[in-house]
Amino acid sequence: MDKQTILASLTPEVVDKFRVAIELGKWPDGRLLAADQRETCMQAVMVWEHEHLAPSERTGYIHKPIRVDGSIVGAECDVEHEHHYPNMPNPKGAIQPVKFRDK
């Protein structure tokens, strides 16, 4: 399934249900969430968040520390560079494929 197909089928309500299912390990009706379902939900949530939320609102965001002089540690590296995301050409022109673990 490609990114656009995933995004077309997701609404904020569906994403919230996926988040709850991931957190609790079960669906709203009580059925357990299988490992492959958990992975799929996580991927869908991350794709949706990347398209609809600011970086500071996304799952897993870590605030950069501030030095005593008021400057931000790591400010020279903007997290929105395209080379930080999978399936995007990196500066050398190669594609960085998404890596899934072997089962």
PDB file of N, CA and C in Angstrom:
ATOM      1  N   MET A   1       0.854  -1.173   0.000  1.00  0.00           N
ATOM      2  CA  MET A   1       0.000   0.000   0.000  1.00  0.00           C
ATOM      3  C   MET A   1       0.898   1.233   0.000  1.00  0.00           C
ATOM      4  N   ASP A   2       0.623   2.176  -0.891  1.00  0.00           N
ATOM      5  CA  ASP A   2       1.456   3.367  -0.955  1.00  0.00           C
ATOM      6  C   ASP A   2       0.924   4.460  -0.030  1.00  0.00           C
ATOM      7  N   LYS A   3       1.735   5.487   0.127  1.00  0.00           N
ATOM      8  CA  LYS A   3       1.441   6.566   1.062  1.00  0.00           C
ATOM      9  C   LYS A   3       0.108   7.252   0.753  1.00  0.00           C
ATOM     10  N   GLN A   4      -0.156   7.558  -0.497  1.00  0.00           N
ATOM     11  CA  GLN A   4      -1.383   8.269  -0.857  1.00  0.00           C
ATOM     12  C   GLN A   4      -2.634   7.431  -0.592  1.00  0.00           C
ATOM     13  N   THR A   5      -2.542   6.136  -0.805  1.00  0.00           N
ATOM     14  CA  THR A   5      -3.677   5.252  -0.523  1.00  0.00           C
ATOM     15  C   THR A   5      -3.963   5.229   0.973  1.00  0.00           C
ATOM     16  N   ILE A   6      -2.902   5.158   1.774  1.00  0.00           N
ATOM     17  CA  ILE A   6      -3.065   5.171   3.231  1.00  0.00           C
ATOM     18  C   ILE A   6      -3.698   6.480   3.675  1.00  0.00           C
ATOM     19  N   LEU A   7      -3.165   7.602   3.197  1.00  0.00           N
ATOM     20  CA  LEU A   7      -3.671   8.910   3.611  1.00  0.00           C
ATOM     21  C   LEU A   7      -5.132   9.111   3.211  1.00  0.00           C
ATOM     22  N   ALA A   8      -5.512   8.613   2.048  1.00  0.00           N
ATOM     23  CA  ALA A   8      -6.889   8.778   1.579  1.00  0.00           C
ATOM     24  C   ALA A   8      -7.888   8.035   2.464  1.00  0.00           C
ATOM     25  N   SER A   9      -7.438   6.979   3.117  1.00  0.00           N
ATOM     26  CA  SER A   9      -8.354   6.181   3.933  1.00  0.00           C
ATOM     27  C   SER A   9      -8.347   6.560   5.416  1.00  0.00           C
ATOM     28  N   LEU A  10      -7.474   7.476   5.810  1.00  0.00           N
ATOM     29  CA  LEU A  10      -7.363   7.835   7.226  1.00  0.00           C
ATOM     30  C   LEU A  10      -8.076   9.142   7.548  1.00  0.00           C
ATOM     31  N   THR A  11      -8.779   9.141   8.659  1.00  0.00           N
ATOM     32  CA  THR A  11      -9.382  10.352   9.209  1.00  0.00           C
ATOM     33  C   THR A  11      -8.794  10.536  10.601  1.00  0.00           C
ATOM     34  N   PRO A  12      -8.908  11.726  11.187  1.00  0.00           N
ATOM     35  CA  PRO A  12      -8.412  11.906  12.557  1.00  0.00           C
ATOM     36  C   PRO A  12      -9.024  10.906  13.542  1.00  0.00           C
ATOM     37  N   GLU A  13     -10.285  10.547  13.336  1.00  0.00           N
ATOM     38  CA  GLU A  13     -10.947   9.596  14.232  1.00  0.00           C
ATOM     39  C   GLU A  13     -10.325   8.203  14.117  1.00  0.00           C
ATOM     40  N   VAL A  14     -10.039   7.777  12.889  1.00  0.00           N
ATOM     41  CA  VAL A  14      -9.416   6.465  12.673  1.00  0.00           C
ATOM     42  C   VAL A  14      -8.019   6.448  13.285  1.00  0.00           C
ATOM     43  N   VAL A  15      -7.274   7.528  13.095  1.00  0.00           N
ATOM     44  CA  VAL A  15      -5.921   7.612  13.653  1.00  0.00           C
ATOM     45  C   VAL A  15      -5.978   7.538  15.174  1.00  0.00           C
ATOM     46  N   ASP A  16      -6.942   8.218  15.788  1.00  0.00           N
ATOM     47  CA  ASP A  16      -7.092   8.142  17.249  1.00  0.00           C
ATOM     48  C   ASP A  16      -7.403   6.716  17.701  1.00  0.00           C
ATOM     49  N   LYS A  17      -8.249   6.011  16.954  1.00  0.00           N
ATOM     50  CA  LYS A  17      -8.558   4.614  17.303  1.00  0.00           C
ATOM     51  C   LYS A  17      -7.318   3.735  17.167  1.00  0.00           C
ATOM     52  N   PHE A  18      -6.514   3.996  16.138  1.00  0.00           N
ATOM     53  CA  PHE A  18      -5.262   3.252  15.979  1.00  0.00           C
ATOM     54  C   PHE A  18      -4.326   3.519  17.152  1.00  0.00           C
ATOM     55  N   ARG A  19      -4.217   4.783  17.574  1.00  0.00           N
ATOM     56  CA  ARG A  19      -3.342   5.125  18.705  1.00  0.00           C
ATOM     57  C   ARG A  19      -3.768   4.377  19.969  1.00  0.00           C
ATOM     58  N   VAL A  20      -5.066   4.368  20.246  1.00  0.00           N
ATOM     59  CA  VAL A  20      -5.576   3.675  21.437  1.00  0.00           C
ATOM     60  C   VAL A  20      -5.304   2.178  21.327  1.00  0.00           C
ATOM     61  N   ALA A  21      -5.525   1.608  20.148  1.00  0.00           N
ATOM     62  CA  ALA A  21      -5.272   0.175  19.950  1.00  0.00           C
ATOM     63  C   ALA A  21      -3.797  -0.147  20.168  1.00  0.00           C
ATOM     64  N   ILE A  22      -2.911   0.715  19.686  1.00  0.00           N
ATOM     65  CA  ILE A  22      -1.471   0.509  19.876  1.00  0.00           C
ATOM     66  C   ILE A  22      -1.125   0.572  21.362  1.00  0.00           C
ATOM     67  N   GLU A  23      -1.669   1.575  22.054  1.00  0.00           N
ATOM     68  CA  GLU A  23      -1.376   1.758  23.480  1.00  0.00           C
ATOM     69  C   GLU A  23      -1.880   0.594  24.329  1.00  0.00           C
ATOM     70  N   LEU A  24      -3.104   0.152  24.070  1.00  0.00           N
ATOM     71  CA  LEU A  24      -3.726  -0.882  24.907  1.00  0.00           C
ATOM     72  C   LEU A  24      -3.444  -2.305  24.434  1.00  0.00           C
ATOM     73  N   GLY A  25      -3.060  -2.436  23.171  1.00  0.00           N
ATOM     74  CA  GLY A  25      -2.815  -3.767  22.626  1.00  0.00           C
ATOM     75  C   GLY A  25      -4.083  -4.511  22.261  1.00  0.00           C
ATOM     76  N   LYS A  26      -5.188  -3.762  22.143  1.00  0.00           N
ATOM     77  CA  LYS A  26      -6.448  -4.396  21.744  1.00  0.00           C
ATOM     78  C   LYS A  26      -7.328  -3.371  21.043  1.00  0.00           C
ATOM     79  N   TRP A  27      -8.266  -3.896  20.261  1.00  0.00           N
ATOM     80  CA  TRP A  27      -9.220  -3.060  19.547  1.00  0.00           C
ATOM     81  C   TRP A  27     -10.306  -2.586  20.509  1.00  0.00           C
ATOM     82  N   PRO A  28     -11.073  -1.553  20.126  1.00  0.00           N
ATOM     83  CA  PRO A  28     -12.134  -1.060  21.021  1.00  0.00           C
ATOM     84  C   PRO A  28     -13.137  -2.132  21.448  1.00  0.00           C
ATOM     85  N   ASP A  29     -13.333  -3.173  20.614  1.00  0.00           N
ATOM     86  CA  ASP A  29     -14.287  -4.231  20.982  1.00  0.00           C
ATOM     87  C   ASP A  29     -13.668  -5.308  21.873  1.00  0.00           C
ATOM     88  N   GLY A  30     -12.391  -5.134  22.254  1.00  0.00           N
ATOM     89  CA  GLY A  30     -11.747  -6.061  23.174  1.00  0.00           C
ATOM     90  C   GLY A  30     -10.863  -7.117  22.537  1.00  0.00           C
ATOM     91  N   ARG A  31     -10.947  -7.277  21.204  1.00  0.00           N
ATOM     92  CA  ARG A  31     -10.089  -8.273  20.538  1.00  0.00           C
ATOM     93  C   ARG A  31      -8.633  -7.825  20.610  1.00  0.00           C
ATOM     94  N   LEU A  32      -7.739  -8.794  20.825  1.00  0.00           N
ATOM     95  CA  LEU A  32      -6.319  -8.472  20.902  1.00  0.00           C
ATOM     96  C   LEU A  32      -5.792  -7.998  19.559  1.00  0.00           C
ATOM     97  N   LEU A  33      -4.846  -7.078  19.621  1.00  0.00           N
ATOM     98  CA  LEU A  33      -4.189  -6.547  18.431  1.00  0.00           C
ATOM     99  C   LEU A  33      -3.008  -7.455  18.099  1.00  0.00           C
ATOM    100  N   ALA A  34      -3.017  -8.053  16.921  1.00  0.00           N
ATOM    101  CA  ALA A  34      -1.920  -8.932  16.503  1.00  0.00           C
ATOM    102  C   ALA A  34      -0.678  -8.091  16.208  1.00  0.00           C
ATOM    103  N   ALA A  35       0.486  -8.716  16.244  1.00  0.00           N
ATOM    104  CA  ALA A  35       1.747  -8.003  16.019  1.00  0.00           C
ATOM    105  C   ALA A  35       1.766  -7.309  14.661  1.00  0.00           C
ATOM    106  N   ASP A  36       1.291  -7.988  13.626  1.00  0.00           N
ATOM    107  CA  ASP A  36       1.293  -7.364  12.297  1.00  0.00           C
ATOM    108  C   ASP A  36       0.290  -6.215  12.219  1.00  0.00           C
ATOM    109  N   GLN A  37      -0.820  -6.306  12.952  1.00  0.00           N
ATOM    110  CA  GLN A  37      -1.785  -5.211  13.005  1.00  0.00           C
ATOM    111  C   GLN A  37      -1.180  -4.006  13.721  1.00  0.00           C
ATOM    112  N   ARG A  38      -0.442  -4.276  14.789  1.00  0.00           N
ATOM    113  CA  ARG A  38       0.211  -3.203  15.539  1.00  0.00           C
ATOM    114  C   ARG A  38       1.197  -2.455  14.645  1.00  0.00           C
ATOM    115  N   GLU A  39       2.011  -3.204  13.891  1.00  0.00           N
ATOM    116  CA  GLU A  39       2.985  -2.589  12.987  1.00  0.00           C
ATOM    117  C   GLU A  39       2.289  -1.742  11.921  1.00  0.00           C
ATOM    118  N   THR A  40       1.219  -2.284  11.350  1.00  0.00           N
ATOM    119  CA  THR A  40       0.486  -1.554  10.315  1.00  0.00           C
ATOM    120  C   THR A  40      -0.131  -0.283  10.882  1.00  0.00           C
ATOM    121  N   CYS A  41      -0.711  -0.370  12.074  1.00  0.00           N
ATOM    122  CA  CYS A  41      -1.297   0.808  12.722  1.00  0.00           C
ATOM    123  C   CYS A  41      -0.233   1.864  12.996  1.00  0.00           C
ATOM    124  N   MET A  42       0.925   1.433  13.483  1.00  0.00           N
ATOM    125  CA  MET A  42       2.007   2.378  13.764  1.00  0.00           C
ATOM    126  C   MET A  42       2.455   3.090  12.493  1.00  0.00           C
ATOM    127  N   GLN A  43       2.619   2.333  11.420  1.00  0.00           N
ATOM    128  CA  GLN A  43       3.031   2.941  10.156  1.00  0.00           C
ATOM    129  C   GLN A  43       1.982   3.934   9.667  1.00  0.00           C
ATOM    130  N   ALA A  44       0.716   3.572   9.754  1.00  0.00           N
ATOM    131  CA  ALA A  44      -0.356   4.459   9.306  1.00  0.00           C
ATOM    132  C   ALA A  44      -0.386   5.738  10.135  1.00  0.00           C
ATOM    133  N   VAL A  45      -0.236   5.617  11.445  1.00  0.00           N
ATOM    134  CA  VAL A  45      -0.234   6.787  12.323  1.00  0.00           C
ATOM    135  C   VAL A  45       0.943   7.699  11.984  1.00  0.00           C
ATOM    136  N   MET A  46       2.120   7.124  11.783  1.00  0.00           N
ATOM    137  CA  MET A  46       3.295   7.947  11.478  1.00  0.00           C
ATOM    138  C   MET A  46       3.160   8.657  10.134  1.00  0.00           C
ATOM    139  N   VAL A  47       2.640   7.973   9.126  1.00  0.00           N
ATOM    140  CA  VAL A  47       2.438   8.604   7.817  1.00  0.00           C
ATOM    141  C   VAL A  47       1.429   9.743   7.938  1.00  0.00           C
ATOM    142  N   TRP A  48       0.318   9.500   8.634  1.00  0.00           N
ATOM    143  CA  TRP A  48      -0.707  10.529   8.797  1.00  0.00           C
ATOM    144  C   TRP A  48      -0.157  11.732   9.566  1.00  0.00           C
ATOM    145  N   GLU A  49       0.556  11.473  10.661  1.00  0.00           N
ATOM    146  CA  GLU A  49       1.115  12.568  11.457  1.00  0.00           C
ATOM    147  C   GLU A  49       2.093  13.404  10.643  1.00  0.00           C
ATOM    148  N   HIS A  50       2.912  12.748   9.825  1.00  0.00           N
ATOM    149  CA  HIS A  50       3.897  13.477   9.027  1.00  0.00           C
ATOM    150  C   HIS A  50       3.214  14.443   8.065  1.00  0.00           C
ATOM    151  N   GLU A  51       2.055  14.075   7.552  1.00  0.00           N
ATOM    152  CA  GLU A  51       1.341  14.928   6.599  1.00  0.00           C
ATOM    153  C   GLU A  51       0.472  15.989   7.271  1.00  0.00           C
ATOM    154  N   HIS A  52       0.004  15.738   8.493  1.00  0.00           N
ATOM    155  CA  HIS A  52      -1.001  16.616   9.095  1.00  0.00           C
ATOM    156  C   HIS A  52      -0.577  17.355  10.359  1.00  0.00           C
ATOM    157  N   LEU A  53       0.518  16.978  10.984  1.00  0.00           N
ATOM    158  CA  LEU A  53       0.914  17.602  12.248  1.00  0.00           C
ATOM    159  C   LEU A  53       2.285  18.260  12.135  1.00  0.00           C
ATOM    160  N   ALA A  54       2.466  19.285  12.931  1.00  0.00           N
ATOM    161  CA  ALA A  54       3.787  19.917  13.029  1.00  0.00           C
ATOM    162  C   ALA A  54       4.744  18.928  13.690  1.00  0.00           C
ATOM    163  N   PRO A  55       6.039  19.029  13.408  1.00  0.00           N
ATOM    164  CA  PRO A  55       6.995  18.080  13.999  1.00  0.00           C
ATOM    165  C   PRO A  55       6.881  17.958  15.521  1.00  0.00           C
ATOM    166  N   SER A  56       6.638  19.062  16.202  1.00  0.00           N
ATOM    167  CA  SER A  56       6.578  19.017  17.668  1.00  0.00           C
ATOM    168  C   SER A  56       5.339  18.300  18.194  1.00  0.00           C
ATOM    169  N   GLU A  57       4.354  18.037  17.333  1.00  0.00           N
ATOM    170  CA  GLU A  57       3.129  17.358  17.751  1.00  0.00           C
ATOM    171  C   GLU A  57       3.116  15.881  17.385  1.00  0.00           C
ATOM    172  N   ARG A  58       4.137  15.420  16.674  1.00  0.00           N
ATOM    173  CA  ARG A  58       4.169  14.033  16.203  1.00  0.00           C
ATOM    174  C   ARG A  58       4.617  13.071  17.299  1.00  0.00           C
ATOM    175  N   THR A  59       4.184  11.832  17.177  1.00  0.00           N
ATOM    176  CA  THR A  59       4.593  10.780  18.099  1.00  0.00           C
ATOM    177  C   THR A  59       6.108  10.656  18.093  1.00  0.00           C
ATOM    178  N   GLY A  60       6.701  10.613  19.276  1.00  0.00           N
ATOM    179  CA  GLY A  60       8.141  10.409  19.392  1.00  0.00           C
ATOM    180  C   GLY A  60       8.970  11.670  19.314  1.00  0.00           C
ATOM    181  N   TYR A  61       8.335  12.843  19.193  1.00  0.00           N
ATOM    182  CA  TYR A  61       9.103  14.084  19.091  1.00  0.00           C
ATOM    183  C   TYR A  61       9.875  14.324  20.384  1.00  0.00           C
ATOM    184  N   ILE A  62      11.118  14.725  20.248  1.00  0.00           N
ATOM    185  CA  ILE A  62      11.959  15.039  21.404  1.00  0.00           C
ATOM    186  C   ILE A  62      12.405  16.488  21.275  1.00  0.00           C
ATOM    187  N   HIS A  63      12.095  17.280  22.292  1.00  0.00           N
ATOM    188  CA  HIS A  63      12.517  18.677  22.285  1.00  0.00           C
ATOM    189  C   HIS A  63      14.032  18.756  22.379  1.00  0.00           C
ATOM    190  N   LYS A  64      14.607  19.691  21.631  1.00  0.00           N
ATOM    191  CA  LYS A  64      16.055  19.884  21.699  1.00  0.00           C
ATOM    192  C   LYS A  64      16.377  20.703  22.947  1.00  0.00           C
ATOM    193  N   PRO A  65      17.446  20.329  23.657  1.00  0.00           N
ATOM    194  CA  PRO A  65      17.815  21.078  24.863  1.00  0.00           C
ATOM    195  C   PRO A  65      18.337  22.473  24.516  1.00  0.00           C
ATOM    196  N   ILE A  66      18.227  23.369  25.476  1.00  0.00           N
ATOM    197  CA  ILE A  66      18.695  24.744  25.302  1.00  0.00           C
ATOM    198  C   ILE A  66      19.928  24.953  26.172  1.00  0.00           C
ATOM    199  N   ARG A  67      20.963  25.514  25.556  1.00  0.00           N
ATOM    200  CA  ARG A  67      22.208  25.794  26.286  1.00  0.00           C
ATOM    201  C   ARG A  67      22.007  26.975  27.228  1.00  0.00           C
ATOM    202  N   VAL A  68      22.978  27.176  28.107  1.00  0.00           N
ATOM    203  CA  VAL A  68      22.934  28.280  29.065  1.00  0.00           C
ATOM    204  C   VAL A  68      22.856  29.623  28.341  1.00  0.00           C
ATOM    205  N   ASP A  69      23.520  29.719  27.177  1.00  0.00           N
ATOM    206  CA  ASP A  69      23.510  30.978  26.425  1.00  0.00           C
ATOM    207  C   ASP A  69      22.211  31.190  25.639  1.00  0.00           C
ATOM    208  N   GLY A  70      21.279  30.245  25.729  1.00  0.00           N
ATOM    209  CA  GLY A  70      19.994  30.372  25.061  1.00  0.00           C
ATOM    210  C   GLY A  70      19.916  29.743  23.684  1.00  0.00           C
ATOM    211  N   SER A  71      21.045  29.276  23.163  1.00  0.00           N
ATOM    212  CA  SER A  71      21.026  28.635  21.846  1.00  0.00           C
ATOM    213  C   SER A  71      20.519  27.199  21.973  1.00  0.00           C
ATOM    214  N   ILE A  72      19.992  26.686  20.898  1.00  0.00           N
ATOM    215  CA  ILE A  72      19.418  25.342  20.891  1.00  0.00           C
ATOM    216  C   ILE A  72      20.464  24.336  20.433  1.00  0.00           C
ATOM    217  N   VAL A  73      20.633  23.283  21.206  1.00  0.00           N
ATOM    218  CA  VAL A  73      21.558  22.212  20.844  1.00  0.00           C
ATOM    219  C   VAL A  73      21.015  21.518  19.600  1.00  0.00           C
ATOM    220  N   GLY A  74      21.839  21.397  18.568  1.00  0.00           N
ATOM    221  CA  GLY A  74      21.429  20.728  17.339  1.00  0.00           C
ATOM    222  C   GLY A  74      20.651  21.608  16.380  1.00  0.00           C
ATOM    223  N   ALA A  75      20.620  22.923  16.618  1.00  0.00           N
ATOM    224  CA  ALA A  75      19.870  23.823  15.740  1.00  0.00           C
ATOM    225  C   ALA A  75      20.402  23.808  14.312  1.00  0.00           C
ATOM    226  N   GLU A  76      21.672  23.441  14.158  1.00  0.00           N
ATOM    227  CA  GLU A  76      22.267  23.424  12.814  1.00  0.00           C
ATOM    228  C   GLU A  76      21.717  22.291  11.952  1.00  0.00           C
ATOM    229  N   CYS A  77      21.034  21.326  12.566  1.00  0.00           N
ATOM    230  CA  CYS A  77      20.452  20.218  11.807  1.00  0.00           C
ATOM    231  C   CYS A  77      18.934  20.301  11.907  1.00  0.00           C
ATOM    232  N   ASP A  78      18.303  20.762  10.851  1.00  0.00           N
ATOM    233  CA  ASP A  78      16.851  20.894  10.816  1.00  0.00           C
ATOM    234  C   ASP A  78      16.233  19.533  10.531  1.00  0.00           C
ATOM    235  N   VAL A  79      15.360  19.034  11.405  1.00  0.00           N
ATOM    236  CA  VAL A  79      14.778  17.700  11.243  1.00  0.00           C
ATOM    237  C   VAL A  79      13.896  17.576  10.010  1.00  0.00           C
ATOM    238  N   GLU A  80      13.564  18.661   9.381  1.00  0.00           N
ATOM    239  CA  GLU A  80      12.706  18.596   8.206  1.00  0.00           C
ATOM    240  C   GLU A  80      13.479  18.411   6.905  1.00  0.00           C
ATOM    241  N   HIS A  81      14.804  18.200   6.981  1.00  0.00           N
ATOM    242  CA  HIS A  81      15.538  17.879   5.758  1.00  0.00           C
ATOM    243  C   HIS A  81      14.956  16.607   5.180  1.00  0.00           C
ATOM    244  N   GLU A  82      14.823  16.555   3.875  1.00  0.00           N
ATOM    245  CA  GLU A  82      14.229  15.386   3.236  1.00  0.00           C
ATOM    246  C   GLU A  82      15.020  14.107   3.482  1.00  0.00           C
ATOM    247  N   HIS A  83      16.336  14.212   3.712  1.00  0.00           N
ATOM    248  CA  HIS A  83      17.126  12.988   3.870  1.00  0.00           C
ATOM    249  C   HIS A  83      16.855  12.275   5.191  1.00  0.00           C
ATOM    250  N   HIS A  84      16.023  12.844   6.043  1.00  0.00           N
ATOM    251  CA  HIS A  84      15.666  12.183   7.295  1.00  0.00           C
ATOM    252  C   HIS A  84      14.505  11.207   7.120  1.00  0.00           C
ATOM    253  N   TYR A  85      13.892  11.192   5.954  1.00  0.00           N
ATOM    254  CA  TYR A  85      12.708  10.378   5.756  1.00  0.00           C
ATOM    255  C   TYR A  85      12.973   9.247   4.780  1.00  0.00           C
ATOM    256  N   PRO A  86      12.402   8.082   5.028  1.00  0.00           N
ATOM    257  CA  PRO A  86      12.616   6.945   4.127  1.00  0.00           C
ATOM    258  C   PRO A  86      11.959   7.168   2.772  1.00  0.00           C
ATOM    259  N   ASN A  87      12.446   6.424   1.807  1.00  0.00           N
ATOM    260  CA  ASN A  87      11.938   6.468   0.433  1.00  0.00           C
ATOM    261  C   ASN A  87      12.103   7.824  -0.234  1.00  0.00           C
ATOM    262  N   MET A  88      13.017   8.620   0.279  1.00  0.00           N
ATOM    263  CA  MET A  88      13.319   9.908  -0.333  1.00  0.00           C
ATOM    264  C   MET A  88      14.775   9.880  -0.776  1.00  0.00           C
ATOM    265  N   PRO A  89      15.089  10.524  -1.901  1.00  0.00           N
ATOM    266  CA  PRO A  89      16.490  10.551  -2.323  1.00  0.00           C
ATOM    267  C   PRO A  89      17.336  11.253  -1.265  1.00  0.00           C
ATOM    268  N   ASN A  90      18.489  10.702  -0.973  1.00  0.00           N
ATOM    269  CA  ASN A  90      19.391  11.365  -0.042  1.00  0.00           C
ATOM    270  C   ASN A  90      20.329  12.259  -0.842  1.00  0.00           C
ATOM    271  N   PRO A  91      21.185  13.047  -0.191  1.00  0.00           N
ATOM    272  CA  PRO A  91      22.048  13.973  -0.926  1.00  0.00           C
ATOM    273  C   PRO A  91      22.909  13.302  -1.998  1.00  0.00           C
ATOM    274  N   LYS A  92      23.216  12.035  -1.852  1.00  0.00           N
ATOM    275  CA  LYS A  92      24.038  11.339  -2.837  1.00  0.00           C
ATOM    276  C   LYS A  92      23.192  10.758  -3.963  1.00  0.00           C
ATOM    277  N   GLY A  93      21.882  10.933  -3.903  1.00  0.00           N
ATOM    278  CA  GLY A  93      21.002  10.478  -4.965  1.00  0.00           C
ATOM    279  C   GLY A  93      20.432   9.088  -4.782  1.00  0.00           C
ATOM    280  N   ALA A  94      20.903   8.351  -3.799  1.00  0.00           N
ATOM    281  CA  ALA A  94      20.403   6.991  -3.588  1.00  0.00           C
ATOM    282  C   ALA A  94      19.065   7.040  -2.846  1.00  0.00           C
ATOM    283  N   ILE A  95      18.275   6.007  -2.995  1.00  0.00           N
ATOM    284  CA  ILE A  95      16.996   5.903  -2.284  1.00  0.00           C
ATOM    285  C   ILE A  95      17.221   5.111  -1.004  1.00  0.00           C
ATOM    286  N   GLN A  96      16.634   5.591   0.088  1.00  0.00           N
ATOM    287  CA  GLN A  96      16.722   4.898   1.366  1.00  0.00           C
ATOM    288  C   GLN A  96      15.415   4.139   1.564  1.00  0.00           C
ATOM    289  N   PRO A  97      15.386   2.846   1.289  1.00  0.00           N
ATOM    290  CA  PRO A  97      14.130   2.106   1.416  1.00  0.00           C
ATOM    291  C   PRO A  97      13.719   1.923   2.871  1.00  0.00           C
ATOM    292  N   VAL A  98      12.421   1.795   3.082  1.00  0.00           N
ATOM    293  CA  VAL A  98      11.919   1.461   4.408  1.00  0.00           C
ATOM    294  C   VAL A  98      12.361   0.037   4.700  1.00  0.00           C
ATOM    295  N   LYS A  99      12.904  -0.180   5.890  1.00  0.00           N
ATOM    296  CA  LYS A  99      13.381  -1.511   6.248  1.00  0.00           C
ATOM    297  C   LYS A  99      12.395  -2.147   7.213  1.00  0.00           C
ATOM    298  N   PHE A 100      11.831  -3.277   6.802  1.00  0.00           N
ATOM    299  CA  PHE A 100      10.941  -4.034   7.663  1.00  0.00           C
ATOM    300  C   PHE A 100      11.714  -5.218   8.210  1.00  0.00           C
ATOM    301  N   ARG A 101      11.414  -5.611   9.420  1.00  0.00           N
ATOM    302  CA  ARG A 101      12.140  -6.741   9.986  1.00  0.00           C
ATOM    303  C   ARG A 101      11.656  -8.039   9.359  1.00  0.00           C
ATOM    304  N   ASP A 102      12.564  -8.975   9.267  1.00  0.00           N
ATOM    305  CA  ASP A 102      12.225 -10.283   8.711  1.00  0.00           C
ATOM    306  C   ASP A 102      11.429 -11.075   9.729  1.00  0.00           C
ATOM    307  N   LYS A 103      10.475 -11.859   9.236  1.00  0.00           N
ATOM    308  CA  LYS A 103       9.655 -12.662  10.149  1.00  0.00           C
ATOM    309  C   LYS A 103      10.012 -14.102  10.015  1.00  0.00           C
TER     310      LYS A 103
END
